[in-house]
PDB file of N, CA and C in Angstrom:
ATOM      1  N   UNK A   1       4.619 -33.210   6.226  1.00  0.00           N
ATOM      2  CA  UNK A   1       3.903 -33.267   7.487  1.00  0.00           C
ATOM      3  C   UNK A   1       4.416 -32.203   8.465  1.00  0.00           C
ATOM      4  N   UNK A   2       5.741 -32.051   8.521  1.00  0.00           N
ATOM      5  CA  UNK A   2       6.329 -31.067   9.419  1.00  0.00           C
ATOM      6  C   UNK A   2       5.901 -29.655   9.030  1.00  0.00           C
ATOM      7  N   UNK A   3       5.878 -29.367   7.716  1.00  0.00           N
ATOM      8  CA  UNK A   3       5.449 -28.042   7.259  1.00  0.00           C
ATOM      9  C   UNK A   3       4.019 -27.756   7.697  1.00  0.00           C
ATOM     10  N   UNK A   4       3.158 -28.756   7.561  1.00  0.00           N
ATOM     11  CA  UNK A   4       1.758 -28.584   7.918  1.00  0.00           C
ATOM     12  C   UNK A   4       1.599 -28.326   9.413  1.00  0.00           C
ATOM     13  N   UNK A   5       2.359 -29.053  10.211  1.00  0.00           N
ATOM     14  CA  UNK A   5       2.290 -28.898  11.651  1.00  0.00           C
ATOM     15  C   UNK A   5       2.787 -27.512  12.076  1.00  0.00           C
ATOM     16  N   UNK A   6       3.909 -27.081  11.516  1.00  0.00           N
ATOM     17  CA  UNK A   6       4.433 -25.745  11.817  1.00  0.00           C
ATOM     18  C   UNK A   6       3.444 -24.684  11.362  1.00  0.00           C
ATOM     19  N   UNK A   7       2.868 -24.929  10.200  1.00  0.00           N
ATOM     20  CA  UNK A   7       1.924 -24.002   9.594  1.00  0.00           C
ATOM     21  C   UNK A   7       0.713 -23.780  10.508  1.00  0.00           C
ATOM     22  N   UNK A   8       0.200 -24.841  11.058  1.00  0.00           N
ATOM     23  CA  UNK A   8      -1.011 -24.758  11.881  1.00  0.00           C
ATOM     24  C   UNK A   8      -0.704 -24.246  13.283  1.00  0.00           C
ATOM     25  N   UNK A   9       0.333 -24.772  13.910  1.00  0.00           N
ATOM     26  CA  UNK A   9       0.630 -24.441  15.300  1.00  0.00           C
ATOM     27  C   UNK A   9       1.365 -23.109  15.426  1.00  0.00           C
ATOM     28  N   UNK A  10       2.376 -22.908  14.602  1.00  0.00           N
ATOM     29  CA  UNK A  10       3.262 -21.759  14.765  1.00  0.00           C
ATOM     30  C   UNK A  10       2.612 -20.449  14.330  1.00  0.00           C
ATOM     31  N   UNK A  11       2.087 -20.421  13.119  1.00  0.00           N
ATOM     32  CA  UNK A  11       1.460 -19.200  12.616  1.00  0.00           C
ATOM     33  C   UNK A  11       0.483 -19.562  11.496  1.00  0.00           C
ATOM     34  N   UNK A  12      -0.803 -19.537  11.771  1.00  0.00           N
ATOM     35  CA  UNK A  12      -1.786 -19.844  10.718  1.00  0.00           C
ATOM     36  C   UNK A  12      -1.863 -18.725   9.679  1.00  0.00           C
ATOM     37  N   UNK A  13      -2.402 -19.047   8.522  1.00  0.00           N
ATOM     38  CA  UNK A  13      -2.504 -18.086   7.415  1.00  0.00           C
ATOM     39  C   UNK A  13      -3.290 -16.837   7.809  1.00  0.00           C
ATOM     40  N   UNK A  14      -4.313 -17.012   8.606  1.00  0.00           N
ATOM     41  CA  UNK A  14      -5.121 -15.857   8.996  1.00  0.00           C
ATOM     42  C   UNK A  14      -4.282 -14.827   9.752  1.00  0.00           C
ATOM     43  N   UNK A  15      -3.382 -15.294  10.603  1.00  0.00           N
ATOM     44  CA  UNK A  15      -2.500 -14.365  11.317  1.00  0.00           C
ATOM     45  C   UNK A  15      -1.412 -13.835  10.395  1.00  0.00           C
ATOM     46  N   UNK A  16      -0.940 -14.662   9.468  1.00  0.00           N
ATOM     47  CA  UNK A  16       0.120 -14.236   8.550  1.00  0.00           C
ATOM     48  C   UNK A  16      -0.353 -13.082   7.676  1.00  0.00           C
ATOM     49  N   UNK A  17      -1.574 -13.153   7.180  1.00  0.00           N
ATOM     50  CA  UNK A  17      -2.079 -12.069   6.337  1.00  0.00           C
ATOM     51  C   UNK A  17      -2.231 -10.782   7.147  1.00  0.00           C
ATOM     52  N   UNK A  18      -2.652 -10.911   8.397  1.00  0.00           N
ATOM     53  CA  UNK A  18      -2.745  -9.741   9.274  1.00  0.00           C
ATOM     54  C   UNK A  18      -1.362  -9.129   9.501  1.00  0.00           C
ATOM     55  N   UNK A  19      -0.363  -9.972   9.714  1.00  0.00           N
ATOM     56  CA  UNK A  19       0.997  -9.473   9.924  1.00  0.00           C
ATOM     57  C   UNK A  19       1.554  -8.818   8.663  1.00  0.00           C
ATOM     58  N   UNK A  20       1.162  -9.311   7.499  1.00  0.00           N
ATOM     59  CA  UNK A  20       1.608  -8.667   6.256  1.00  0.00           C
ATOM     60  C   UNK A  20       1.060  -7.248   6.165  1.00  0.00           C
ATOM     61  N   UNK A  21      -0.197  -7.087   6.563  1.00  0.00           N
ATOM     62  CA  UNK A  21      -0.801  -5.750   6.559  1.00  0.00           C
ATOM     63  C   UNK A  21      -0.110  -4.852   7.586  1.00  0.00           C
ATOM     64  N   UNK A  22       0.192  -5.410   8.754  1.00  0.00           N
ATOM     65  CA  UNK A  22       0.894  -4.628   9.771  1.00  0.00           C
ATOM     66  C   UNK A  22       2.294  -4.248   9.292  1.00  0.00           C
ATOM     67  N   UNK A  23       2.942  -5.144   8.581  1.00  0.00           N
ATOM     68  CA  UNK A  23       4.289  -4.858   8.063  1.00  0.00           C
ATOM     69  C   UNK A  23       4.228  -3.693   7.080  1.00  0.00           C
ATOM     70  N   UNK A  24       3.210  -3.651   6.245  1.00  0.00           N
ATOM     71  CA  UNK A  24       3.066  -2.543   5.294  1.00  0.00           C
ATOM     72  C   UNK A  24       2.837  -1.219   6.007  1.00  0.00           C
ATOM     73  N   UNK A  25       2.239  -1.271   7.184  1.00  0.00           N
ATOM     74  CA  UNK A  25       1.990  -0.062   7.961  1.00  0.00           C
ATOM     75  C   UNK A  25       3.161   0.245   8.902  1.00  0.00           C
ATOM     76  N   UNK A  26       4.243  -0.505   8.794  1.00  0.00           N
ATOM     77  CA  UNK A  26       5.426  -0.349   9.665  1.00  0.00           C
ATOM     78  C   UNK A  26       5.058  -0.450  11.139  1.00  0.00           C
ATOM     79  N   UNK A  27       4.188  -1.393  11.449  1.00  0.00           N
ATOM     80  CA  UNK A  27       3.708  -1.552  12.813  1.00  0.00           C
ATOM     81  C   UNK A  27       3.896  -3.006  13.259  1.00  0.00           C
ATOM     82  N   UNK A  28       5.078  -3.571  13.005  1.00  0.00           N
ATOM     83  CA  UNK A  28       5.310  -4.972  13.300  1.00  0.00           C
ATOM     84  C   UNK A  28       6.562  -5.109  14.170  1.00  0.00           C
ATOM     85  N   UNK A  29       6.469  -5.979  15.165  1.00  0.00           N
ATOM     86  CA  UNK A  29       7.605  -6.193  16.064  1.00  0.00           C
ATOM     87  C   UNK A  29       8.611  -7.143  15.408  1.00  0.00           C
ATOM     88  N   UNK A  30       9.839  -7.153  15.888  1.00  0.00           N
ATOM     89  CA  UNK A  30      10.834  -8.079  15.324  1.00  0.00           C
ATOM     90  C   UNK A  30      10.411  -9.549  15.447  1.00  0.00           C
ATOM     91  N   UNK A  31       9.767  -9.903  16.554  1.00  0.00           N
ATOM     92  CA  UNK A  31       9.305 -11.285  16.740  1.00  0.00           C
ATOM     93  C   UNK A  31       8.232 -11.639  15.700  1.00  0.00           C
ATOM     94  N   UNK A  32       7.283 -10.725  15.508  1.00  0.00           N
ATOM     95  CA  UNK A  32       6.230 -10.967  14.511  1.00  0.00           C
ATOM     96  C   UNK A  32       6.823 -11.050  13.116  1.00  0.00           C
ATOM     97  N   UNK A  33       7.804 -10.214  12.836  1.00  0.00           N
ATOM     98  CA  UNK A  33       8.461 -10.223  11.538  1.00  0.00           C
ATOM     99  C   UNK A  33       9.160 -11.562  11.295  1.00  0.00           C
ATOM    100  N   UNK A  34       9.820 -12.075  12.335  1.00  0.00           N
ATOM    101  CA  UNK A  34      10.507 -13.361  12.233  1.00  0.00           C
ATOM    102  C   UNK A  34       9.509 -14.491  11.968  1.00  0.00           C
ATOM    103  N   UNK A  35       8.398 -14.481  12.715  1.00  0.00           N
ATOM    104  CA  UNK A  35       7.369 -15.513  12.529  1.00  0.00           C
ATOM    105  C   UNK A  35       6.773 -15.441  11.117  1.00  0.00           C
ATOM    106  N   UNK A  36       6.542 -14.227  10.656  1.00  0.00           N
ATOM    107  CA  UNK A  36       5.976 -14.052   9.324  1.00  0.00           C
ATOM    108  C   UNK A  36       6.941 -14.548   8.252  1.00  0.00           C
ATOM    109  N   UNK A  37       8.211 -14.206   8.385  1.00  0.00           N
ATOM    110  CA  UNK A  37       9.191 -14.670   7.402  1.00  0.00           C
ATOM    111  C   UNK A  37       9.272 -16.188   7.364  1.00  0.00           C
ATOM    112  N   UNK A  38       9.216 -16.822   8.533  1.00  0.00           N
ATOM    113  CA  UNK A  38       9.229 -18.284   8.585  1.00  0.00           C
ATOM    114  C   UNK A  38       7.991 -18.851   7.896  1.00  0.00           C
ATOM    115  N   UNK A  39       6.851 -18.262   8.173  1.00  0.00           N
ATOM    116  CA  UNK A  39       5.603 -18.721   7.560  1.00  0.00           C
ATOM    117  C   UNK A  39       5.667 -18.571   6.033  1.00  0.00           C
ATOM    118  N   UNK A  40       6.185 -17.455   5.565  1.00  0.00           N
ATOM    119  CA  UNK A  40       6.260 -17.218   4.117  1.00  0.00           C
ATOM    120  C   UNK A  40       7.184 -18.216   3.421  1.00  0.00           C
ATOM    121  N   UNK A  41       8.164 -18.734   4.149  1.00  0.00           N
ATOM    122  CA  UNK A  41       9.060 -19.734   3.550  1.00  0.00           C
ATOM    123  C   UNK A  41       8.359 -21.066   3.315  1.00  0.00           C
ATOM    124  N   UNK A  42       7.334 -21.357   4.138  1.00  0.00           N
ATOM    125  CA  UNK A  42       6.687 -22.664   4.002  1.00  0.00           C
ATOM    126  C   UNK A  42       5.323 -22.604   3.311  1.00  0.00           C
ATOM    127  N   UNK A  43       4.747 -21.418   3.164  1.00  0.00           N
ATOM    128  CA  UNK A  43       3.380 -21.323   2.632  1.00  0.00           C
ATOM    129  C   UNK A  43       3.362 -20.602   1.286  1.00  0.00           C
ATOM    130  N   UNK A  44       3.108 -21.350   0.237  1.00  0.00           N
ATOM    131  CA  UNK A  44       3.086 -20.745  -1.101  1.00  0.00           C
ATOM    132  C   UNK A  44       1.877 -19.831  -1.290  1.00  0.00           C
ATOM    133  N   UNK A  45       0.789 -20.103  -0.600  1.00  0.00           N
ATOM    134  CA  UNK A  45      -0.416 -19.288  -0.754  1.00  0.00           C
ATOM    135  C   UNK A  45      -0.218 -17.901  -0.142  1.00  0.00           C
ATOM    136  N   UNK A  46       0.434 -17.860   0.984  1.00  0.00           N
ATOM    137  CA  UNK A  46       0.692 -16.555   1.607  1.00  0.00           C
ATOM    138  C   UNK A  46       1.757 -15.772   0.848  1.00  0.00           C
ATOM    139  N   UNK A  47       2.707 -16.477   0.231  1.00  0.00           N
ATOM    140  CA  UNK A  47       3.683 -15.783  -0.618  1.00  0.00           C
ATOM    141  C   UNK A  47       2.976 -15.140  -1.801  1.00  0.00           C
ATOM    142  N   UNK A  48       2.016 -15.845  -2.383  1.00  0.00           N
ATOM    143  CA  UNK A  48       1.246 -15.288  -3.505  1.00  0.00           C
ATOM    144  C   UNK A  48       0.423 -14.088  -3.038  1.00  0.00           C
ATOM    145  N   UNK A  49      -0.168 -14.200  -1.851  1.00  0.00           N
ATOM    146  CA  UNK A  49      -0.933 -13.084  -1.294  1.00  0.00           C
ATOM    147  C   UNK A  49      -0.026 -11.875  -1.083  1.00  0.00           C
ATOM    148  N   UNK A  50       1.174 -12.105  -0.565  1.00  0.00           N
ATOM    149  CA  UNK A  50       2.139 -11.038  -0.313  1.00  0.00           C
ATOM    150  C   UNK A  50       2.502 -10.319  -1.609  1.00  0.00           C
ATOM    151  N   UNK A  51       2.717 -11.068  -2.678  1.00  0.00           N
ATOM    152  CA  UNK A  51       3.056 -10.451  -3.963  1.00  0.00           C
ATOM    153  C   UNK A  51       1.912  -9.572  -4.460  1.00  0.00           C
ATOM    154  N   UNK A  52       0.696 -10.067  -4.351  1.00  0.00           N
ATOM    155  CA  UNK A  52      -0.461  -9.287  -4.794  1.00  0.00           C
ATOM    156  C   UNK A  52      -0.663  -8.058  -3.916  1.00  0.00           C
ATOM    157  N   UNK A  53      -0.416  -8.201  -2.630  1.00  0.00           N
ATOM    158  CA  UNK A  53      -0.526  -7.081  -1.707  1.00  0.00           C
ATOM    159  C   UNK A  53       0.475  -5.994  -2.058  1.00  0.00           C
ATOM    160  N   UNK A  54       1.694  -6.380  -2.390  1.00  0.00           N
ATOM    161  CA  UNK A  54       2.721  -5.406  -2.768  1.00  0.00           C
ATOM    162  C   UNK A  54       2.347  -4.681  -4.060  1.00  0.00           C
ATOM    163  N   UNK A  55       1.787  -5.403  -5.024  1.00  0.00           N
ATOM    164  CA  UNK A  55       1.367  -4.787  -6.281  1.00  0.00           C
ATOM    165  C   UNK A  55       0.248  -3.772  -6.025  1.00  0.00           C
ATOM    166  N   UNK A  56      -0.741  -4.165  -5.232  1.00  0.00           N
ATOM    167  CA  UNK A  56      -1.854  -3.264  -4.936  1.00  0.00           C
ATOM    168  C   UNK A  56      -1.391  -2.029  -4.163  1.00  0.00           C
ATOM    169  N   UNK A  57      -0.504  -2.225  -3.200  1.00  0.00           N
ATOM    170  CA  UNK A  57       0.010  -1.080  -2.448  1.00  0.00           C
ATOM    171  C   UNK A  57       0.774  -0.125  -3.354  1.00  0.00           C
ATOM    172  N   UNK A  58       1.553  -0.663  -4.279  1.00  0.00           N
ATOM    173  CA  UNK A  58       2.300   0.172  -5.214  1.00  0.00           C
ATOM    174  C   UNK A  58       1.353   0.984  -6.099  1.00  0.00           C
ATOM    175  N   UNK A  59       0.311   0.334  -6.591  1.00  0.00           N
ATOM    176  CA  UNK A  59      -0.680   1.027  -7.429  1.00  0.00           C
ATOM    177  C   UNK A  59      -1.364   2.143  -6.635  1.00  0.00           C
ATOM    178  N   UNK A  60      -1.764   1.852  -5.405  1.00  0.00           N
ATOM    179  CA  UNK A  60      -2.435   2.853  -4.584  1.00  0.00           C
ATOM    180  C   UNK A  60      -1.516   4.024  -4.251  1.00  0.00           C
ATOM    181  N   UNK A  61      -0.255   3.751  -3.951  1.00  0.00           N
ATOM    182  CA  UNK A  61       0.691   4.830  -3.656  1.00  0.00           C
ATOM    183  C   UNK A  61       0.897   5.722  -4.869  1.00  0.00           C
ATOM    184  N   UNK A  62       1.022   5.103  -6.062  1.00  0.00           N
ATOM    185  CA  UNK A  62       1.182   5.911  -7.279  1.00  0.00           C
ATOM    186  C   UNK A  62      -0.059   6.746  -7.533  1.00  0.00           C
ATOM    187  N   UNK A  63      -1.239   6.177  -7.327  1.00  0.00           N
ATOM    188  CA  UNK A  63      -2.494   6.893  -7.556  1.00  0.00           C
ATOM    189  C   UNK A  63      -2.614   8.079  -6.597  1.00  0.00           C
ATOM    190  N   UNK A  64      -2.275   7.858  -5.332  1.00  0.00           N
ATOM    191  CA  UNK A  64      -2.354   8.947  -4.363  1.00  0.00           C
ATOM    192  C   UNK A  64      -1.351  10.046  -4.669  1.00  0.00           C
ATOM    193  N   UNK A  65      -0.157   9.689  -5.110  1.00  0.00           N
ATOM    194  CA  UNK A  65       0.838  10.711  -5.434  1.00  0.00           C
ATOM    195  C   UNK A  65       0.421  11.509  -6.669  1.00  0.00           C
ATOM    196  N   UNK A  66      -0.265  10.883  -7.614  1.00  0.00           N
ATOM    197  CA  UNK A  66      -0.749  11.596  -8.798  1.00  0.00           C
ATOM    198  C   UNK A  66      -1.849  12.578  -8.414  1.00  0.00           C
ATOM    199  N   UNK A  67      -2.702  12.211  -7.478  1.00  0.00           N
ATOM    200  CA  UNK A  67      -3.788  13.096  -7.068  1.00  0.00           C
ATOM    201  C   UNK A  67      -3.264  14.308  -6.319  1.00  0.00           C
ATOM    202  N   UNK A  68      -2.129  14.169  -5.634  1.00  0.00           N
ATOM    203  CA  UNK A  68      -1.557  15.286  -4.890  1.00  0.00           C
ATOM    204  C   UNK A  68      -0.961  16.331  -5.813  1.00  0.00           C
ATOM    205  N   UNK A  69      -0.504  15.902  -6.976  1.00  0.00           N
ATOM    206  CA  UNK A  69       0.095  16.836  -7.925  1.00  0.00           C
ATOM    207  C   UNK A  69      -1.015  17.566  -8.672  1.00  0.00           C
ATOM    208  N   UNK A  70      -1.057  18.862  -8.494  1.00  0.00           N
ATOM    209  CA  UNK A  70      -2.057  19.666  -9.188  1.00  0.00           C
ATOM    210  C   UNK A  70      -1.336  20.392 -10.315  1.00  0.00           C
ATOM    211  N   UNK A  71      -1.755  20.110 -11.505  1.00  0.00           N
ATOM    212  CA  UNK A  71      -1.123  20.724 -12.662  1.00  0.00           C
ATOM    213  C   UNK A  71      -2.058  21.787 -13.229  1.00  0.00           C
ATOM    214  N   UNK A  72      -1.533  23.001 -13.321  1.00  0.00           N
ATOM    215  CA  UNK A  72      -2.302  24.103 -13.877  1.00  0.00           C
ATOM    216  C   UNK A  72      -1.527  24.634 -15.066  1.00  0.00           C
ATOM    217  N   UNK A  73      -2.164  24.643 -16.207  1.00  0.00           N
ATOM    218  CA  UNK A  73      -1.461  25.149 -17.396  1.00  0.00           C
ATOM    219  C   UNK A  73      -1.692  26.656 -17.542  1.00  0.00           C
ATOM    220  N   UNK A  74      -0.942  27.264 -18.456  1.00  0.00           N
ATOM    221  CA  UNK A  74      -0.976  28.724 -18.636  1.00  0.00           C
ATOM    222  C   UNK A  74      -2.345  29.235 -19.059  1.00  0.00           C
ATOM    223  N   UNK A  75      -3.067  28.485 -19.869  1.00  0.00           N
ATOM    224  CA  UNK A  75      -4.378  28.953 -20.326  1.00  0.00           C
ATOM    225  C   UNK A  75      -5.372  29.026 -19.165  1.00  0.00           C
ATOM    226  N   UNK A  76      -5.255  28.094 -18.216  1.00  0.00           N
ATOM    227  CA  UNK A  76      -6.129  28.149 -17.043  1.00  0.00           C
ATOM    228  C   UNK A  76      -5.799  29.361 -16.181  1.00  0.00           C
ATOM    229  N   UNK A  77      -4.521  29.677 -16.041  1.00  0.00           N
ATOM    230  CA  UNK A  77      -4.100  30.849 -15.270  1.00  0.00           C
ATOM    231  C   UNK A  77      -4.608  32.120 -15.936  1.00  0.00           C
ATOM    232  N   UNK A  78      -4.445  32.205 -17.250  1.00  0.00           N
ATOM    233  CA  UNK A  78      -4.903  33.382 -17.985  1.00  0.00           C
ATOM    234  C   UNK A  78      -6.421  33.530 -17.872  1.00  0.00           C
ATOM    235  N   UNK A  79      -7.141  32.423 -17.984  1.00  0.00           N
ATOM    236  CA  UNK A  79      -8.598  32.472 -17.839  1.00  0.00           C
ATOM    237  C   UNK A  79      -9.017  32.943 -16.463  1.00  0.00           C
ATOM    238  N   UNK A  80      -8.302  32.496 -15.443  1.00  0.00           N
ATOM    239  CA  UNK A  80      -8.583  32.931 -14.077  1.00  0.00           C
ATOM    240  C   UNK A  80      -8.335  34.428 -13.913  1.00  0.00           C
ATOM    241  N   UNK A  81      -7.223  34.900 -14.478  1.00  0.00           N
ATOM    242  CA  UNK A  81      -6.910  36.335 -14.402  1.00  0.00           C
ATOM    243  C   UNK A  81      -7.992  37.162 -15.076  1.00  0.00           C
ATOM    244  N   UNK A  82      -8.448  36.711 -16.236  1.00  0.00           N
ATOM    245  CA  UNK A  82      -9.492  37.448 -16.963  1.00  0.00           C
ATOM    246  C   UNK A  82     -10.780  37.506 -16.152  1.00  0.00           C
ATOM    247  N   UNK A  83     -11.143  36.435 -15.513  1.00  0.00           N
ATOM    248  CA  UNK A  83     -12.349  36.426 -14.683  1.00  0.00           C
ATOM    249  C   UNK A  83     -12.210  37.378 -13.503  1.00  0.00           C
ATOM    250  N   UNK A  84     -11.043  37.393 -12.886  1.00  0.00           N
ATOM    251  CA  UNK A  84     -10.814  38.286 -11.745  1.00  0.00           C
ATOM    252  C   UNK A  84     -10.904  39.739 -12.196  1.00  0.00           C
ATOM    253  N   UNK A  85     -10.213  40.074 -13.316  1.00  0.00           N
ATOM    254  CA  UNK A  85     -10.244  41.453 -13.812  1.00  0.00           C
ATOM    255  C   UNK A  85     -11.652  41.851 -14.211  1.00  0.00           C
ATOM    256  N   UNK A  86     -12.406  40.930 -14.786  1.00  0.00           N
ATOM    257  CA  UNK A  86     -13.783  41.230 -15.194  1.00  0.00           C
ATOM    258  C   UNK A  86     -14.627  41.542 -13.967  1.00  0.00           C
ATOM    259  N   UNK A  87     -14.452  40.760 -12.892  1.00  0.00           N
ATOM    260  CA  UNK A  87     -15.220  40.988 -11.665  1.00  0.00           C
ATOM    261  C   UNK A  87     -14.786  42.252 -10.936  1.00  0.00           C
ATOM    262  N   UNK A  88     -13.529  42.656 -11.121  1.00  0.00           N
ATOM    263  CA  UNK A  88     -13.039  43.875 -10.469  1.00  0.00           C
ATOM    264  C   UNK A  88     -13.304  45.122 -11.305  1.00  0.00           C
ATOM    265  N   UNK A  89     -13.755  44.938 -12.537  1.00  0.00           N
ATOM    266  CA  UNK A  89     -14.011  46.035 -13.477  1.00  0.00           C
ATOM    267  C   UNK A  89     -12.755  46.861 -13.740  1.00  0.00           C
ATOM    268  N   UNK A  90     -11.640  46.193 -13.974  1.00  0.00           N
ATOM    269  CA  UNK A  90     -10.378  46.902 -14.255  1.00  0.00           C
ATOM    270  C   UNK A  90     -10.169  46.949 -15.757  1.00  0.00           C
TER     271      UNK A  90
END
């Protein structure tokens, strides 16, 4: 009963999920962080949401870092050089 009362009055799930998103963006105050940590201790559903959020964020970060890396192999460089020389008539 006490968990339910704290859950409803202190920090509802709707606010907890918002604070989790803010925490990932490093835009959370110490007070909000404290409230969120307390909520996560009593709410198994929000803990599960937090785990899934962390997995998705990790996947997205890896995907974005892979897209930033541009890999060009030697055959592509040679092909580019040949096209340039052909257009320059050298």
